[in-house]
Amino acid sequence: MIRFLKGLVLLPVAVVVILFAVANREPVRLSLDPFSQVPAFSASLPLYAVLFAAVAVGIVVGGIFAWLGQGNVRRTARQRGREVRRLEGETARLRTYAPEPVAPAGGLPARTALPAPR
């Protein structure tokens, strides 16, 4: 079911991307020097390649900043994991010293009636 839904969403996206690439295949000059008429470095690339590269760089940079922003959450999770392991070890150690519960000789104790509330 998930595979079908994924295909249902990704197929139209793929068609739009392919149509965009076919419609924008004319080369554009990409230069990183805005002040010179004849830049030292420039490249002629198809417009779709420039836009796809910009989207890819944006995704990578956004992922890096999201990962860096979650540093406090990861640190807290590590601290809590260490605390859980410490407490589990302490619980296991204390269980070795706890006496085994002993049942009364006559079976279950008799039930006593509680006084009625006033």
Protein backbone atom coordinates (compact mmCIF):
# COMPACT_ATOMS: atom_id res chain seq x y z
CA MET A 1 0.00 0.00 0.00
CA ILE A 2 2.79 2.41 0.92
CA ARG A 3 4.63 1.48 -2.26
CA PHE A 4 1.54 2.30 -4.31
CA LEU A 5 1.08 5.67 -2.59
CA LYS A 6 4.75 6.49 -3.06
CA GLY A 7 4.44 5.73 -6.76
CA LEU A 8 1.23 7.74 -6.95
CA VAL A 9 3.05 10.81 -5.62
CA LEU A 10 6.48 10.35 -7.20
CA LEU A 11 5.29 9.56 -10.73
CA PRO A 12 3.69 13.00 -11.33
CA VAL A 13 6.70 14.70 -9.71
CA ALA A 14 9.05 12.80 -12.02
CA VAL A 15 6.95 13.77 -15.06
CA VAL A 16 7.04 17.46 -14.05
CA VAL A 17 10.82 17.32 -13.48
CA ILE A 18 11.41 15.66 -16.86
CA LEU A 19 9.17 18.19 -18.63
CA PHE A 20 11.02 21.04 -16.90
CA ALA A 21 14.40 19.65 -17.93
CA VAL A 22 13.32 19.21 -21.56
CA ALA A 23 11.78 22.70 -21.75
CA ASN A 24 14.82 24.45 -20.18
CA ARG A 25 17.78 22.83 -21.87
CA GLU A 26 19.21 26.04 -23.35
CA PRO A 27 22.63 26.89 -21.91
CA VAL A 28 23.02 29.85 -19.56
CA ARG A 29 26.30 31.42 -18.43
CA LEU A 30 27.01 30.81 -14.77
CA SER A 31 29.57 33.20 -13.31
CA LEU A 32 30.59 33.82 -9.73
CA ASP A 33 32.17 37.26 -10.49
CA PRO A 34 29.46 39.96 -10.64
CA PHE A 35 31.87 42.88 -11.29
CA SER A 36 33.72 41.78 -14.43
CA GLN A 37 32.45 41.75 -18.00
CA VAL A 38 34.82 38.88 -18.77
CA PRO A 39 34.85 36.73 -15.63
CA ALA A 40 37.83 34.56 -14.80
CA PHE A 41 35.60 31.58 -14.18
CA SER A 42 32.33 30.97 -15.94
CA ALA A 43 30.52 27.95 -17.25
CA SER A 44 27.73 27.44 -19.75
CA LEU A 45 25.26 24.98 -18.31
CA PRO A 46 21.66 24.09 -19.11
CA LEU A 47 19.21 26.06 -16.97
CA TYR A 48 17.69 22.92 -15.48
CA ALA A 49 21.14 21.74 -14.29
CA VAL A 50 21.75 25.07 -12.54
CA LEU A 51 18.35 24.94 -10.82
CA PHE A 52 18.66 21.27 -9.85
CA ALA A 53 22.12 21.95 -8.40
CA ALA A 54 20.75 24.91 -6.44
CA VAL A 55 17.95 22.74 -5.02
CA ALA A 56 20.42 19.98 -4.11
CA VAL A 57 22.74 22.45 -2.36
CA GLY A 58 19.74 23.88 -0.49
CA ILE A 59 18.69 20.43 0.69
CA VAL A 60 22.19 19.60 1.90
CA VAL A 61 22.67 22.94 3.69
CA GLY A 62 19.20 22.68 5.26
CA GLY A 63 19.95 19.15 6.45
CA ILE A 64 23.23 20.26 8.01
CA PHE A 65 21.57 23.13 9.88
CA ALA A 66 18.73 20.87 11.05
CA TRP A 67 21.27 18.32 12.31
CA LEU A 68 23.23 21.03 14.12
CA GLY A 69 20.01 22.45 15.61
CA GLN A 70 19.13 19.08 17.13
CA GLY A 71 22.42 18.77 19.02
CA ASN A 72 20.78 19.51 22.38
CA VAL A 73 18.18 16.78 21.82
CA ARG A 74 20.87 14.21 20.96
CA ARG A 75 22.95 15.23 23.99
CA THR A 76 19.93 14.86 26.30
CA ALA A 77 19.13 11.44 24.78
CA ARG A 78 22.70 10.26 25.38
CA GLN A 79 22.61 11.47 29.00
CA ARG A 80 19.27 9.77 29.64
CA GLY A 81 20.51 6.56 28.03
CA ARG A 82 23.54 6.56 30.37
CA GLU A 83 21.24 7.19 33.34
CA VAL A 84 18.92 4.32 32.30
CA ARG A 85 21.88 1.93 31.98
CA ARG A 86 23.19 3.04 35.39
CA LEU A 87 19.78 2.55 37.03
CA GLU A 88 19.28 -0.85 35.37
CA GLY A 89 22.65 -1.96 36.71
CA GLU A 90 21.77 -0.69 40.17
CA THR A 91 18.39 -2.48 40.04
CA ALA A 92 20.04 -5.75 39.03
CA ARG A 93 22.63 -5.36 41.81
CA LEU A 94 19.95 -4.66 44.45
CA ARG A 95 17.83 -7.63 43.33
CA THR A 96 20.68 -9.97 44.24
CA TYR A 97 20.54 -8.69 47.85
CA ALA A 98 16.74 -8.69 48.25
CA PRO A 99 15.34 -11.61 50.24
CA GLU A 100 12.89 -13.93 48.52
CA PRO A 101 9.25 -13.34 49.58
CA VAL A 102 7.98 -16.05 51.91
CA ALA A 103 4.31 -17.14 51.91
CA PRO A 104 2.66 -17.52 55.34
CA ALA A 105 2.41 -21.09 56.66
CA GLY A 106 -1.38 -21.12 56.88
CA GLY A 107 -1.92 -19.95 53.33
CA LEU A 108 -3.31 -16.51 52.63
CA PRO A 109 -3.90 -14.23 55.62
CA ALA A 110 -7.46 -13.66 56.73
CA ARG A 111 -9.07 -10.54 55.36
CA THR A 112 -9.91 -7.92 57.94
CA ALA A 113 -12.83 -5.59 57.54
CA LEU A 114 -12.06 -1.90 57.37
CA PRO A 115 -14.09 0.52 59.46
CA ALA A 116 -16.83 2.33 57.59
CA PRO A 117 -16.03 5.92 56.62
CA ARG A 118 -17.78 8.64 58.62
